[in-house]
Amino acid sequence: EQSAVASTQRAMIWKFFDTSPVIELTNRVVGEIRKYHPPKPAADESATARERTRIVDHLRRQAPQWAFKNRMNIYQKARLGIQVEDAVIDAGYWPPLSKAVAQDLVEMVALVATRS
């Protein structure tokens, strides 16, 4: 009986650190951004702000669906922010935009999770 309890506890701990939902969501988010908002050369701050607004508005429409499908714990949300920021930079977007998009996405996923 104790080994069954210990086995269950180990499984719960490993599930906490499972990042497969994070990787899946990161790929989906970056795919959506690239599809609907292709990277453009770095521009002035006002152009960056407008692009951020367009991307975040697009993500805001999708976030509830993603958040309900992928219930994330605090570790997974932190990994999501890091993964999205890096993936958006790798996709050709400039760093200030990628950081802002990652922060906004994590906030949206967290807010949706607290509402349900």
Protein backbone atom coordinates (compact mmCIF):
# COMPACT_ATOMS: atom_id res chain seq x y z
CA GLU A 1 0.00 0.00 0.00
CA GLN A 2 2.83 2.42 0.79
CA SER A 3 4.49 1.75 -2.54
CA ALA A 4 1.22 2.61 -4.31
CA VAL A 5 1.04 5.90 -2.41
CA ALA A 6 4.68 6.67 -3.14
CA SER A 7 4.14 5.84 -6.81
CA THR A 8 1.13 8.17 -6.96
CA GLN A 9 3.10 10.94 -5.30
CA ARG A 10 5.98 10.54 -7.76
CA ALA A 11 3.54 10.67 -10.67
CA MET A 12 2.00 13.87 -9.28
CA ILE A 13 5.42 15.48 -8.91
CA TRP A 14 6.45 14.55 -12.46
CA LYS A 15 3.13 15.83 -13.80
CA PHE A 16 3.81 19.18 -12.11
CA PHE A 17 7.04 19.55 -14.12
CA ASP A 18 5.62 18.21 -17.40
CA THR A 19 6.16 20.85 -20.08
CA SER A 20 4.51 19.07 -23.01
CA PRO A 21 1.41 21.33 -22.80
CA VAL A 22 3.75 24.34 -22.74
CA ILE A 23 5.60 23.20 -25.85
CA GLU A 24 2.32 22.50 -27.65
CA LEU A 25 0.88 25.90 -26.74
CA THR A 26 4.12 27.69 -27.64
CA ASN A 27 4.12 26.12 -31.08
CA ARG A 28 0.48 27.03 -31.58
CA VAL A 29 0.95 30.64 -30.41
CA VAL A 30 4.01 31.27 -32.54
CA GLY A 31 2.29 29.65 -35.52
CA GLU A 32 -0.71 31.94 -35.07
CA ILE A 33 1.48 35.02 -34.75
CA ARG A 34 3.53 34.16 -37.83
CA LYS A 35 0.42 33.36 -39.87
CA TYR A 36 -1.55 36.49 -39.06
CA HIS A 37 1.24 38.95 -38.20
CA PRO A 38 4.37 38.14 -40.23
CA PRO A 39 7.62 39.60 -38.85
CA LYS A 40 8.56 43.03 -40.07
CA PRO A 41 11.87 44.85 -39.77
CA ALA A 42 12.38 46.60 -36.44
CA ALA A 43 10.66 49.95 -36.50
CA ASP A 44 10.17 52.91 -34.23
CA GLU A 45 8.45 52.61 -30.87
CA SER A 46 5.01 53.62 -32.11
CA ALA A 47 5.09 50.93 -34.82
CA THR A 48 6.19 48.39 -32.21
CA ALA A 49 3.32 49.43 -29.93
CA ARG A 50 0.78 49.10 -32.76
CA GLU A 51 2.09 45.66 -33.72
CA ARG A 52 2.02 44.54 -30.10
CA THR A 53 -1.59 45.71 -29.81
CA ARG A 54 -2.61 43.78 -32.93
CA ILE A 55 -0.87 40.60 -31.80
CA VAL A 56 -2.17 40.80 -28.25
CA ASP A 57 -5.72 41.43 -29.46
CA HIS A 58 -5.44 38.36 -31.65
CA LEU A 59 -4.08 36.26 -28.77
CA ARG A 60 -6.74 37.60 -26.41
CA ARG A 61 -9.41 36.08 -28.64
CA GLN A 62 -7.63 32.71 -28.55
CA ALA A 63 -6.41 32.62 -24.92
CA PRO A 64 -9.63 31.38 -23.27
CA GLN A 65 -9.77 28.35 -25.54
CA TRP A 66 -6.08 27.56 -24.94
CA ALA A 67 -6.29 28.09 -21.20
CA PHE A 68 -9.32 25.85 -20.75
CA LYS A 69 -7.72 23.12 -22.83
CA ASN A 70 -4.35 23.38 -21.06
CA ARG A 71 -4.74 23.87 -17.32
CA MET A 72 -1.30 25.03 -16.23
CA ASN A 73 0.31 25.20 -12.84
CA ILE A 74 2.64 28.01 -11.79
CA TYR A 75 5.76 26.26 -13.08
CA GLN A 76 4.17 25.64 -16.48
CA LYS A 77 3.03 29.26 -16.75
CA ALA A 78 6.57 30.46 -16.03
CA ARG A 79 7.96 28.06 -18.64
CA LEU A 80 5.30 29.28 -21.08
CA GLY A 81 6.53 32.85 -20.77
CA ILE A 82 10.16 31.86 -21.30
CA GLN A 83 9.40 29.51 -24.19
CA VAL A 84 7.12 31.97 -26.00
CA GLU A 85 9.56 34.84 -25.61
CA ASP A 86 12.42 32.77 -27.05
CA ALA A 87 10.31 31.27 -29.84
CA VAL A 88 8.97 34.66 -30.93
CA ILE A 89 12.52 36.03 -31.12
CA ASP A 90 13.62 32.94 -33.07
CA ALA A 91 10.70 33.52 -35.46
CA GLY A 92 12.18 36.87 -36.44
CA TYR A 93 10.41 39.36 -34.20
CA TRP A 94 12.33 41.97 -32.25
CA PRO A 95 13.02 41.34 -28.53
CA PRO A 96 10.86 44.10 -26.99
CA LEU A 97 7.83 42.79 -28.86
CA SER A 98 8.54 39.18 -27.93
CA LYS A 99 8.88 40.02 -24.23
CA ALA A 100 5.63 41.99 -24.26
CA VAL A 101 3.74 39.24 -26.10
CA ALA A 102 5.03 36.58 -23.69
CA GLN A 103 4.05 38.61 -20.63
CA ASP A 104 0.61 39.37 -22.01
CA LEU A 105 -0.02 35.74 -22.93
CA VAL A 106 0.94 34.46 -19.47
CA GLU A 107 -1.30 37.09 -17.87
CA MET A 108 -4.21 36.08 -20.10
CA VAL A 109 -3.75 32.36 -19.40
CA ALA A 110 -3.55 33.07 -15.65
CA LEU A 111 -6.65 35.29 -15.69
CA VAL A 112 -8.70 32.76 -17.60
CA ALA A 113 -7.63 30.02 -15.18
CA THR A 114 -8.70 32.07 -12.15
CA ARG A 115 -12.13 32.79 -13.64
CA SER A 116 -13.04 29.15 -13.99
